[in-house]
């Protein structure tokens, strides 16, 4: 376990990162067309609610760790098929249609 001093230093490192928007705060999700791209709070909230998978930006972190465990147990795994980007284009088109019907 970390000492209190090590923990304090770790928190200060996090603060430094969070105070520098150029460092690590840009949305790393490959789903650039997603309605919640760049809005981590809403993205994570809806993933937590539906519990069907973790946000795309976290998947590479977890996949690497899971692959290590899978090798230990001599298992195999395959990545979940990703929703095509065109689907977001369709959502935007439908939203536009729906908004014109209301007016």
PDB file of N, CA and C in Angstrom:
ATOM      1  N   UNK A   1       0.841  -1.180   0.000  1.00  0.00           N
ATOM      2  CA  UNK A   1       0.000   0.000   0.000  1.00  0.00           C
ATOM      3  C   UNK A   1       0.888   1.246   0.000  1.00  0.00           C
ATOM      4  N   UNK A   2       0.391   2.284  -0.643  1.00  0.00           N
ATOM      5  CA  UNK A   2       1.130   3.546  -0.673  1.00  0.00           C
ATOM      6  C   UNK A   2       1.119   4.214   0.696  1.00  0.00           C
ATOM      7  N   UNK A   3       2.166   4.969   0.932  1.00  0.00           N
ATOM      8  CA  UNK A   3       2.173   5.792   2.133  1.00  0.00           C
ATOM      9  C   UNK A   3       1.300   7.015   1.886  1.00  0.00           C
ATOM     10  N   UNK A   4       0.988   7.750   2.944  1.00  0.00           N
ATOM     11  CA  UNK A   4       0.195   8.966   2.786  1.00  0.00           C
ATOM     12  C   UNK A   4       0.918   9.952   1.879  1.00  0.00           C
ATOM     13  N   UNK A   5       2.222  10.044   2.019  1.00  0.00           N
ATOM     14  CA  UNK A   5       3.009  10.967   1.201  1.00  0.00           C
ATOM     15  C   UNK A   5       2.978  10.554  -0.276  1.00  0.00           C
ATOM     16  N   UNK A   6       3.121   9.258  -0.545  1.00  0.00           N
ATOM     17  CA  UNK A   6       3.047   8.775  -1.931  1.00  0.00           C
ATOM     18  C   UNK A   6       1.666   9.046  -2.526  1.00  0.00           C
ATOM     19  N   UNK A   7       0.638   8.854  -1.716  1.00  0.00           N
ATOM     20  CA  UNK A   7      -0.718   9.121  -2.186  1.00  0.00           C
ATOM     21  C   UNK A   7      -0.889  10.602  -2.492  1.00  0.00           C
ATOM     22  N   UNK A   8      -0.370  11.451  -1.622  1.00  0.00           N
ATOM     23  CA  UNK A   8      -0.448  12.894  -1.830  1.00  0.00           C
ATOM     24  C   UNK A   8       0.255  13.280  -3.138  1.00  0.00           C
ATOM     25  N   UNK A   9       1.412  12.723  -3.385  1.00  0.00           N
ATOM     26  CA  UNK A   9       2.150  13.004  -4.624  1.00  0.00           C
ATOM     27  C   UNK A   9       1.359  12.534  -5.841  1.00  0.00           C
ATOM     28  N   UNK A  10       0.716  11.391  -5.719  1.00  0.00           N
ATOM     29  CA  UNK A  10      -0.107  10.867  -6.813  1.00  0.00           C
ATOM     30  C   UNK A  10      -1.274  11.814  -7.112  1.00  0.00           C
ATOM     31  N   UNK A  11      -1.927  12.298  -6.071  1.00  0.00           N
ATOM     32  CA  UNK A  11      -3.039  13.249  -6.245  1.00  0.00           C
ATOM     33  C   UNK A  11      -2.542  14.529  -6.905  1.00  0.00           C
ATOM     34  N   UNK A  12      -1.375  15.004  -6.524  1.00  0.00           N
ATOM     35  CA  UNK A  12      -0.814  16.206  -7.154  1.00  0.00           C
ATOM     36  C   UNK A  12      -0.494  15.974  -8.624  1.00  0.00           C
ATOM     37  N   UNK A  13      -0.047  14.770  -8.958  1.00  0.00           N
ATOM     38  CA  UNK A  13       0.199  14.441 -10.369  1.00  0.00           C
ATOM     39  C   UNK A  13      -1.117  14.482 -11.160  1.00  0.00           C
ATOM     40  N   UNK A  14      -2.169  13.911 -10.591  1.00  0.00           N
ATOM     41  CA  UNK A  14      -3.490  13.944 -11.236  1.00  0.00           C
ATOM     42  C   UNK A  14      -3.946  15.386 -11.422  1.00  0.00           C
ATOM     43  N   UNK A  15      -3.782  16.209 -10.398  1.00  0.00           N
ATOM     44  CA  UNK A  15      -4.175  17.620 -10.495  1.00  0.00           C
ATOM     45  C   UNK A  15      -3.419  18.319 -11.621  1.00  0.00           C
ATOM     46  N   UNK A  16      -2.137  18.033 -11.751  1.00  0.00           N
ATOM     47  CA  UNK A  16      -1.330  18.638 -12.816  1.00  0.00           C
ATOM     48  C   UNK A  16      -1.872  18.243 -14.186  1.00  0.00           C
ATOM     49  N   UNK A  17      -2.188  16.972 -14.344  1.00  0.00           N
ATOM     50  CA  UNK A  17      -2.731  16.490 -15.618  1.00  0.00           C
ATOM     51  C   UNK A  17      -4.065  17.166 -15.911  1.00  0.00           C
ATOM     52  N   UNK A  18      -4.936  17.230 -14.925  1.00  0.00           N
ATOM     53  CA  UNK A  18      -6.267  17.809 -15.125  1.00  0.00           C
ATOM     54  C   UNK A  18      -6.224  19.317 -15.368  1.00  0.00           C
ATOM     55  N   UNK A  19      -5.195  19.970 -14.874  1.00  0.00           N
ATOM     56  CA  UNK A  19      -5.054  21.407 -15.090  1.00  0.00           C
ATOM     57  C   UNK A  19      -4.404  21.753 -16.419  1.00  0.00           C
ATOM     58  N   UNK A  20      -3.969  20.744 -17.162  1.00  0.00           N
ATOM     59  CA  UNK A  20      -3.334  20.971 -18.458  1.00  0.00           C
ATOM     60  C   UNK A  20      -4.177  20.298 -19.536  1.00  0.00           C
ATOM     61  N   UNK A  21      -5.107  21.039 -20.149  1.00  0.00           N
ATOM     62  CA  UNK A  21      -6.020  20.429 -21.121  1.00  0.00           C
ATOM     63  C   UNK A  21      -5.324  19.814 -22.333  1.00  0.00           C
ATOM     64  N   UNK A  22      -4.108  20.215 -22.606  1.00  0.00           N
ATOM     65  CA  UNK A  22      -3.387  19.652 -23.752  1.00  0.00           C
ATOM     66  C   UNK A  22      -2.796  18.287 -23.432  1.00  0.00           C
ATOM     67  N   UNK A  23      -2.673  17.973 -22.172  1.00  0.00           N
ATOM     68  CA  UNK A  23      -1.959  16.760 -21.780  1.00  0.00           C
ATOM     69  C   UNK A  23      -2.738  15.472 -22.046  1.00  0.00           C
ATOM     70  N   UNK A  24      -3.896  15.332 -21.458  1.00  0.00           N
ATOM     71  CA  UNK A  24      -4.604  14.047 -21.537  1.00  0.00           C
ATOM     72  C   UNK A  24      -6.115  14.191 -21.519  1.00  0.00           C
ATOM     73  N   UNK A  25      -6.631  15.367 -21.785  1.00  0.00           N
ATOM     74  CA  UNK A  25      -8.053  15.577 -21.576  1.00  0.00           C
ATOM     75  C   UNK A  25      -8.885  15.536 -22.844  1.00  0.00           C
ATOM     76  N   UNK A  26      -8.271  15.332 -23.980  1.00  0.00           N
ATOM     77  CA  UNK A  26      -9.048  15.234 -25.209  1.00  0.00           C
ATOM     78  C   UNK A  26      -9.693  13.856 -25.270  1.00  0.00           C
ATOM     79  N   UNK A  27     -10.906  13.805 -25.758  1.00  0.00           N
ATOM     80  CA  UNK A  27     -11.633  12.542 -25.843  1.00  0.00           C
ATOM     81  C   UNK A  27     -10.877  11.577 -26.757  1.00  0.00           C
ATOM     82  N   UNK A  28     -10.546  10.422 -26.239  1.00  0.00           N
ATOM     83  CA  UNK A  28      -9.776   9.440 -27.004  1.00  0.00           C
ATOM     84  C   UNK A  28     -10.664   8.386 -27.665  1.00  0.00           C
ATOM     85  N   UNK A  29     -11.968   8.546 -27.541  1.00  0.00           N
ATOM     86  CA  UNK A  29     -12.892   7.574 -28.114  1.00  0.00           C
ATOM     87  C   UNK A  29     -12.828   7.619 -29.644  1.00  0.00           C
ATOM     88  N   UNK A  30     -12.745   6.464 -30.290  1.00  0.00           N
ATOM     89  CA  UNK A  30     -12.702   6.441 -31.754  1.00  0.00           C
ATOM     90  C   UNK A  30     -14.063   6.743 -32.387  1.00  0.00           C
ATOM     91  N   UNK A  31     -15.126   6.754 -31.600  1.00  0.00           N
ATOM     92  CA  UNK A  31     -16.470   7.012 -32.119  1.00  0.00           C
ATOM     93  C   UNK A  31     -16.710   8.522 -32.188  1.00  0.00           C
ATOM     94  N   UNK A  32     -16.110   9.180 -33.148  1.00  0.00           N
ATOM     95  CA  UNK A  32     -16.152  10.643 -33.267  1.00  0.00           C
ATOM     96  C   UNK A  32     -17.548  11.174 -33.597  1.00  0.00           C
ATOM     97  N   UNK A  33     -18.394  10.376 -34.230  1.00  0.00           N
ATOM     98  CA  UNK A  33     -19.742  10.828 -34.579  1.00  0.00           C
ATOM     99  C   UNK A  33     -20.732  10.693 -33.428  1.00  0.00           C
ATOM    100  N   UNK A  34     -20.338  10.043 -32.369  1.00  0.00           N
ATOM    101  CA  UNK A  34     -21.235   9.783 -31.243  1.00  0.00           C
ATOM    102  C   UNK A  34     -21.738  11.084 -30.627  1.00  0.00           C
ATOM    103  N   UNK A  35     -22.983  11.091 -30.258  1.00  0.00           N
ATOM    104  CA  UNK A  35     -23.607  12.271 -29.649  1.00  0.00           C
ATOM    105  C   UNK A  35     -22.905  12.697 -28.364  1.00  0.00           C
ATOM    106  N   UNK A  36     -22.310  11.753 -27.655  1.00  0.00           N
ATOM    107  CA  UNK A  36     -21.675  12.048 -26.373  1.00  0.00           C
ATOM    108  C   UNK A  36     -20.163  12.161 -26.472  1.00  0.00           C
ATOM    109  N   UNK A  37     -19.605  12.158 -27.685  1.00  0.00           N
ATOM    110  CA  UNK A  37     -18.149  12.278 -27.865  1.00  0.00           C
ATOM    111  C   UNK A  37     -17.665  13.560 -27.195  1.00  0.00           C
ATOM    112  N   UNK A  38     -16.709  13.427 -26.311  1.00  0.00           N
ATOM    113  CA  UNK A  38     -16.154  14.579 -25.614  1.00  0.00           C
ATOM    114  C   UNK A  38     -16.902  14.946 -24.342  1.00  0.00           C
ATOM    115  N   UNK A  39     -18.022  14.316 -24.081  1.00  0.00           N
ATOM    116  CA  UNK A  39     -18.777  14.573 -22.858  1.00  0.00           C
ATOM    117  C   UNK A  39     -18.725  13.301 -22.006  1.00  0.00           C
ATOM    118  N   UNK A  40     -17.615  13.120 -21.330  1.00  0.00           N
ATOM    119  CA  UNK A  40     -17.356  11.874 -20.606  1.00  0.00           C
ATOM    120  C   UNK A  40     -18.415  11.562 -19.550  1.00  0.00           C
ATOM    121  N   UNK A  41     -18.906  12.584 -18.876  1.00  0.00           N
ATOM    122  CA  UNK A  41     -19.889  12.347 -17.818  1.00  0.00           C
ATOM    123  C   UNK A  41     -21.135  11.671 -18.368  1.00  0.00           C
ATOM    124  N   UNK A  42     -21.678  12.195 -19.458  1.00  0.00           N
ATOM    125  CA  UNK A  42     -22.880  11.597 -20.042  1.00  0.00           C
ATOM    126  C   UNK A  42     -22.570  10.240 -20.673  1.00  0.00           C
ATOM    127  N   UNK A  43     -21.426  10.131 -21.305  1.00  0.00           N
ATOM    128  CA  UNK A  43     -21.042   8.865 -21.936  1.00  0.00           C
ATOM    129  C   UNK A  43     -20.965   7.751 -20.887  1.00  0.00           C
ATOM    130  N   UNK A  44     -20.217   7.998 -19.839  1.00  0.00           N
ATOM    131  CA  UNK A  44     -20.041   6.981 -18.795  1.00  0.00           C
ATOM    132  C   UNK A  44     -21.371   6.695 -18.100  1.00  0.00           C
ATOM    133  N   UNK A  45     -22.177   7.734 -17.886  1.00  0.00           N
ATOM    134  CA  UNK A  45     -23.468   7.537 -17.212  1.00  0.00           C
ATOM    135  C   UNK A  45     -24.353   6.584 -18.003  1.00  0.00           C
ATOM    136  N   UNK A  46     -24.435   6.769 -19.320  1.00  0.00           N
ATOM    137  CA  UNK A  46     -25.313   5.878 -20.084  1.00  0.00           C
ATOM    138  C   UNK A  46     -24.725   4.472 -20.188  1.00  0.00           C
ATOM    139  N   UNK A  47     -23.404   4.338 -20.223  1.00  0.00           N
ATOM    140  CA  UNK A  47     -22.805   2.997 -20.230  1.00  0.00           C
ATOM    141  C   UNK A  47     -23.043   2.304 -18.887  1.00  0.00           C
ATOM    142  N   UNK A  48     -22.972   3.046 -17.794  1.00  0.00           N
ATOM    143  CA  UNK A  48     -23.242   2.456 -16.480  1.00  0.00           C
ATOM    144  C   UNK A  48     -24.695   2.027 -16.376  1.00  0.00           C
ATOM    145  N   UNK A  49     -25.591   2.835 -16.899  1.00  0.00           N
ATOM    146  CA  UNK A  49     -27.012   2.520 -16.802  1.00  0.00           C
ATOM    147  C   UNK A  49     -27.358   1.231 -17.548  1.00  0.00           C
ATOM    148  N   UNK A  50     -26.896   1.124 -18.797  1.00  0.00           N
ATOM    149  CA  UNK A  50     -27.263  -0.043 -19.613  1.00  0.00           C
ATOM    150  C   UNK A  50     -26.391  -1.261 -19.352  1.00  0.00           C
ATOM    151  N   UNK A  51     -25.202  -1.069 -18.822  1.00  0.00           N
ATOM    152  CA  UNK A  51     -24.296  -2.160 -18.433  1.00  0.00           C
ATOM    153  C   UNK A  51     -24.041  -3.176 -19.539  1.00  0.00           C
ATOM    154  N   UNK A  52     -24.108  -2.744 -20.794  1.00  0.00           N
ATOM    155  CA  UNK A  52     -23.882  -3.719 -21.864  1.00  0.00           C
ATOM    156  C   UNK A  52     -22.419  -3.775 -22.308  1.00  0.00           C
ATOM    157  N   UNK A  53     -21.674  -2.709 -22.096  1.00  0.00           N
ATOM    158  CA  UNK A  53     -20.234  -2.733 -22.340  1.00  0.00           C
ATOM    159  C   UNK A  53     -19.621  -1.462 -21.783  1.00  0.00           C
ATOM    160  N   UNK A  54     -18.305  -1.446 -21.723  1.00  0.00           N
ATOM    161  CA  UNK A  54     -17.632  -0.250 -21.216  1.00  0.00           C
ATOM    162  C   UNK A  54     -17.443   0.738 -22.365  1.00  0.00           C
ATOM    163  N   UNK A  55     -17.278   2.019 -22.046  1.00  0.00           N
ATOM    164  CA  UNK A  55     -17.074   3.006 -23.108  1.00  0.00           C
ATOM    165  C   UNK A  55     -15.898   2.631 -24.015  1.00  0.00           C
ATOM    166  N   UNK A  56     -16.025   2.971 -25.286  1.00  0.00           N
ATOM    167  CA  UNK A  56     -14.998   2.616 -26.271  1.00  0.00           C
ATOM    168  C   UNK A  56     -13.606   3.109 -25.893  1.00  0.00           C
ATOM    169  N   UNK A  57     -13.531   4.282 -25.275  1.00  0.00           N
ATOM    170  CA  UNK A  57     -12.213   4.830 -24.940  1.00  0.00           C
ATOM    171  C   UNK A  57     -11.497   3.997 -23.878  1.00  0.00           C
ATOM    172  N   UNK A  58     -12.239   3.209 -23.097  1.00  0.00           N
ATOM    173  CA  UNK A  58     -11.630   2.355 -22.079  1.00  0.00           C
ATOM    174  C   UNK A  58     -11.341   0.946 -22.587  1.00  0.00           C
ATOM    175  N   UNK A  59     -11.921   0.569 -23.699  1.00  0.00           N
ATOM    176  CA  UNK A  59     -11.840  -0.824 -24.135  1.00  0.00           C
ATOM    177  C   UNK A  59     -10.410  -1.288 -24.396  1.00  0.00           C
ATOM    178  N   UNK A  60      -9.578  -0.433 -24.988  1.00  0.00           N
ATOM    179  CA  UNK A  60      -8.209  -0.886 -25.252  1.00  0.00           C
ATOM    180  C   UNK A  60      -7.447  -1.148 -23.954  1.00  0.00           C
ATOM    181  N   UNK A  61      -7.733  -0.379 -22.911  1.00  0.00           N
ATOM    182  CA  UNK A  61      -7.076  -0.593 -21.617  1.00  0.00           C
ATOM    183  C   UNK A  61      -7.475  -1.952 -21.049  1.00  0.00           C
ATOM    184  N   UNK A  62      -8.776  -2.220 -21.022  1.00  0.00           N
ATOM    185  CA  UNK A  62      -9.272  -3.473 -20.467  1.00  0.00           C
ATOM    186  C   UNK A  62      -8.923  -4.669 -21.349  1.00  0.00           C
ATOM    187  N   UNK A  63      -9.005  -4.488 -22.661  1.00  0.00           N
ATOM    188  CA  UNK A  63      -8.702  -5.593 -23.573  1.00  0.00           C
ATOM    189  C   UNK A  63      -7.278  -6.095 -23.377  1.00  0.00           C
ATOM    190  N   UNK A  64      -6.330  -5.179 -23.228  1.00  0.00           N
ATOM    191  CA  UNK A  64      -4.941  -5.586 -23.021  1.00  0.00           C
ATOM    192  C   UNK A  64      -4.787  -6.391 -21.735  1.00  0.00           C
ATOM    193  N   UNK A  65      -5.431  -5.946 -20.678  1.00  0.00           N
ATOM    194  CA  UNK A  65      -5.332  -6.648 -19.395  1.00  0.00           C
ATOM    195  C   UNK A  65      -6.034  -8.009 -19.450  1.00  0.00           C
ATOM    196  N   UNK A  66      -7.186  -8.043 -20.090  1.00  0.00           N
ATOM    197  CA  UNK A  66      -7.943  -9.294 -20.198  1.00  0.00           C
ATOM    198  C   UNK A  66      -7.183 -10.309 -21.048  1.00  0.00           C
ATOM    199  N   UNK A  67      -6.532  -9.846 -22.109  1.00  0.00           N
ATOM    200  CA  UNK A  67      -5.743 -10.757 -22.957  1.00  0.00           C
ATOM    201  C   UNK A  67      -4.640 -11.429 -22.158  1.00  0.00           C
ATOM    202  N   UNK A  68      -4.036 -10.694 -21.222  1.00  0.00           N
ATOM    203  CA  UNK A  68      -3.004 -11.290 -20.371  1.00  0.00           C
ATOM    204  C   UNK A  68      -3.588 -12.408 -19.509  1.00  0.00           C
ATOM    205  N   UNK A  69      -4.764 -12.167 -18.935  1.00  0.00           N
ATOM    206  CA  UNK A  69      -5.415 -13.185 -18.097  1.00  0.00           C
ATOM    207  C   UNK A  69      -5.830 -14.375 -18.956  1.00  0.00           C
ATOM    208  N   UNK A  70      -6.344 -14.106 -20.134  1.00  0.00           N
ATOM    209  CA  UNK A  70      -6.784 -15.178 -21.037  1.00  0.00           C
ATOM    210  C   UNK A  70      -5.616 -16.100 -21.392  1.00  0.00           C
ATOM    211  N   UNK A  71      -4.456 -15.520 -21.611  1.00  0.00           N
ATOM    212  CA  UNK A  71      -3.285 -16.340 -21.933  1.00  0.00           C
ATOM    213  C   UNK A  71      -2.923 -17.273 -20.780  1.00  0.00           C
ATOM    214  N   UNK A  72      -3.065 -16.786 -19.564  1.00  0.00           N
ATOM    215  CA  UNK A  72      -2.757 -17.612 -18.395  1.00  0.00           C
ATOM    216  C   UNK A  72      -3.651 -18.852 -18.373  1.00  0.00           C
ATOM    217  N   UNK A  73      -4.926 -18.674 -18.689  1.00  0.00           N
ATOM    218  CA  UNK A  73      -5.884 -19.780 -18.642  1.00  0.00           C
ATOM    219  C   UNK A  73      -6.021 -20.505 -19.976  1.00  0.00           C
ATOM    220  N   UNK A  74      -5.189 -20.121 -20.949  1.00  0.00           N
ATOM    221  CA  UNK A  74      -5.176 -20.746 -22.271  1.00  0.00           C
ATOM    222  C   UNK A  74      -6.561 -20.722 -22.921  1.00  0.00           C
ATOM    223  N   UNK A  75      -7.202 -19.572 -22.819  1.00  0.00           N
ATOM    224  CA  UNK A  75      -8.515 -19.385 -23.421  1.00  0.00           C
ATOM    225  C   UNK A  75      -8.384 -18.505 -24.662  1.00  0.00           C
ATOM    226  N   UNK A  76      -9.490 -18.301 -25.346  1.00  0.00           N
ATOM    227  CA  UNK A  76      -9.504 -17.386 -26.481  1.00  0.00           C
ATOM    228  C   UNK A  76     -10.618 -16.367 -26.268  1.00  0.00           C
ATOM    229  N   UNK A  77     -10.482 -15.235 -26.912  1.00  0.00           N
ATOM    230  CA  UNK A  77     -11.498 -14.187 -26.807  1.00  0.00           C
ATOM    231  C   UNK A  77     -11.564 -13.448 -28.129  1.00  0.00           C
ATOM    232  N   UNK A  78     -12.711 -12.879 -28.386  1.00  0.00           N
ATOM    233  CA  UNK A  78     -12.848 -12.042 -29.578  1.00  0.00           C
ATOM    234  C   UNK A  78     -13.510 -10.733 -29.156  1.00  0.00           C
ATOM    235  N   UNK A  79     -13.122  -9.669 -29.851  1.00  0.00           N
ATOM    236  CA  UNK A  79     -13.675  -8.371 -29.519  1.00  0.00           C
ATOM    237  C   UNK A  79     -15.083  -8.247 -30.075  1.00  0.00           C
ATOM    238  N   UNK A  80     -15.909  -7.526 -29.353  1.00  0.00           N
ATOM    239  CA  UNK A  80     -17.287  -7.281 -29.755  1.00  0.00           C
ATOM    240  C   UNK A  80     -17.295  -6.432 -31.031  1.00  0.00           C
ATOM    241  N   UNK A  81     -18.197  -6.755 -31.920  1.00  0.00           N
ATOM    242  CA  UNK A  81     -18.329  -5.983 -33.154  1.00  0.00           C
ATOM    243  C   UNK A  81     -18.769  -4.566 -32.801  1.00  0.00           C
ATOM    244  N   UNK A  82     -18.105  -3.592 -33.400  1.00  0.00           N
ATOM    245  CA  UNK A  82     -18.427  -2.195 -33.108  1.00  0.00           C
ATOM    246  C   UNK A  82     -19.544  -1.685 -34.006  1.00  0.00           C
ATOM    247  N   UNK A  83     -20.337  -0.796 -33.460  1.00  0.00           N
ATOM    248  CA  UNK A  83     -21.416  -0.176 -34.229  1.00  0.00           C
ATOM    249  C   UNK A  83     -20.797   0.692 -35.319  1.00  0.00           C
ATOM    250  N   UNK A  84     -21.248   0.532 -36.562  1.00  0.00           N
ATOM    251  CA  UNK A  84     -20.677   1.324 -37.657  1.00  0.00           C
ATOM    252  C   UNK A  84     -20.925   2.827 -37.469  1.00  0.00           C
ATOM    253  N   UNK A  85     -19.971   3.642 -37.907  1.00  0.00           N
ATOM    254  CA  UNK A  85     -20.100   5.099 -37.804  1.00  0.00           C
ATOM    255  C   UNK A  85     -21.336   5.614 -38.527  1.00  0.00           C
ATOM    256  N   UNK A  86     -21.725   4.937 -39.609  1.00  0.00           N
ATOM    257  CA  UNK A  86     -22.894   5.392 -40.373  1.00  0.00           C
ATOM    258  C   UNK A  86     -24.159   5.421 -39.524  1.00  0.00           C
ATOM    259  N   UNK A  87     -24.201   4.621 -38.482  1.00  0.00           N
ATOM    260  CA  UNK A  87     -25.388   4.594 -37.638  1.00  0.00           C
ATOM    261  C   UNK A  87     -25.615   5.952 -36.978  1.00  0.00           C
ATOM    262  N   UNK A  88     -24.528   6.621 -36.606  1.00  0.00           N
ATOM    263  CA  UNK A  88     -24.678   7.954 -36.017  1.00  0.00           C
ATOM    264  C   UNK A  88     -25.159   8.952 -37.055  1.00  0.00           C
ATOM    265  N   UNK A  89     -24.720   8.796 -38.281  1.00  0.00           N
ATOM    266  CA  UNK A  89     -25.236   9.661 -39.348  1.00  0.00           C
ATOM    267  C   UNK A  89     -26.746   9.469 -39.481  1.00  0.00           C
ATOM    268  N   UNK A  90     -27.182   8.222 -39.388  1.00  0.00           N
ATOM    269  CA  UNK A  90     -28.607   7.913 -39.472  1.00  0.00           C
ATOM    270  C   UNK A  90     -29.370   8.541 -38.302  1.00  0.00           C
ATOM    271  N   UNK A  91     -28.811   8.455 -37.095  1.00  0.00           N
ATOM    272  CA  UNK A  91     -29.454   9.052 -35.923  1.00  0.00           C
ATOM    273  C   UNK A  91     -29.630  10.554 -36.133  1.00  0.00           C
ATOM    274  N   UNK A  92     -28.601  11.207 -36.641  1.00  0.00           N
ATOM    275  CA  UNK A  92     -28.684  12.649 -36.877  1.00  0.00           C
ATOM    276  C   UNK A  92     -29.738  12.986 -37.937  1.00  0.00           C
ATOM    277  N   UNK A  93     -29.817  12.169 -38.987  1.00  0.00           N
ATOM    278  CA  UNK A  93     -30.839  12.373 -40.022  1.00  0.00           C
ATOM    279  C   UNK A  93     -32.234  12.215 -39.431  1.00  0.00           C
ATOM    280  N   UNK A  94     -32.438  11.165 -38.635  1.00  0.00           N
ATOM    281  CA  UNK A  94     -33.747  10.921 -38.016  1.00  0.00           C
ATOM    282  C   UNK A  94     -34.115  12.039 -37.054  1.00  0.00           C
ATOM    283  N   UNK A  95     -33.134  12.512 -36.275  1.00  0.00           N
ATOM    284  CA  UNK A  95     -33.389  13.623 -35.357  1.00  0.00           C
ATOM    285  C   UNK A  95     -33.851  14.851 -36.129  1.00  0.00           C
ATOM    286  N   UNK A  96     -33.208  15.100 -37.258  1.00  0.00           N
ATOM    287  CA  UNK A  96     -33.580  16.248 -38.083  1.00  0.00           C
ATOM    288  C   UNK A  96     -35.002  16.089 -38.611  1.00  0.00           C
ATOM    289  N   UNK A  97     -35.339  14.893 -39.086  1.00  0.00           N
ATOM    290  CA  UNK A  97     -36.695  14.626 -39.553  1.00  0.00           C
ATOM    291  C   UNK A  97     -37.720  14.813 -38.434  1.00  0.00           C
ATOM    292  N   UNK A  98     -37.415  14.276 -37.268  1.00  0.00           N
ATOM    293  CA  UNK A  98     -38.328  14.377 -36.138  1.00  0.00           C
ATOM    294  C   UNK A  98     -38.520  15.836 -35.711  1.00  0.00           C
ATOM    295  N   UNK A  99     -37.466  16.617 -35.768  1.00  0.00           N
ATOM    296  CA  UNK A  99     -37.583  18.018 -35.341  1.00  0.00           C
ATOM    297  C   UNK A  99     -38.394  18.835 -36.338  1.00  0.00           C
ATOM    298  N   UNK A 100     -38.367  18.465 -37.632  1.00  0.00           N
ATOM    299  CA  UNK A 100     -39.158  19.181 -38.614  1.00  0.00           C
ATOM    300  C   UNK A 100     -40.634  18.787 -38.537  1.00  0.00           C
ATOM    301  N   UNK A 101     -40.929  17.574 -38.065  1.00  0.00           N
ATOM    302  CA  UNK A 101     -42.323  17.140 -37.899  1.00  0.00           C
ATOM    303  C   UNK A 101     -42.996  17.910 -36.777  1.00  0.00           C
ATOM    304  N   UNK A 102     -42.246  18.189 -35.731  1.00  0.00           N
ATOM    305  CA  UNK A 102     -42.803  18.872 -34.555  1.00  0.00           C
ATOM    306  C   UNK A 102     -43.169  20.319 -34.890  1.00  0.00           C
ATOM    307  N   UNK A 103     -42.367  20.957 -35.696  1.00  0.00           N
ATOM    308  CA  UNK A 103     -42.581  22.379 -36.008  1.00  0.00           C
ATOM    309  C   UNK A 103     -43.703  22.597 -36.923  1.00  0.00           C
TER     310      UNK A 103
END
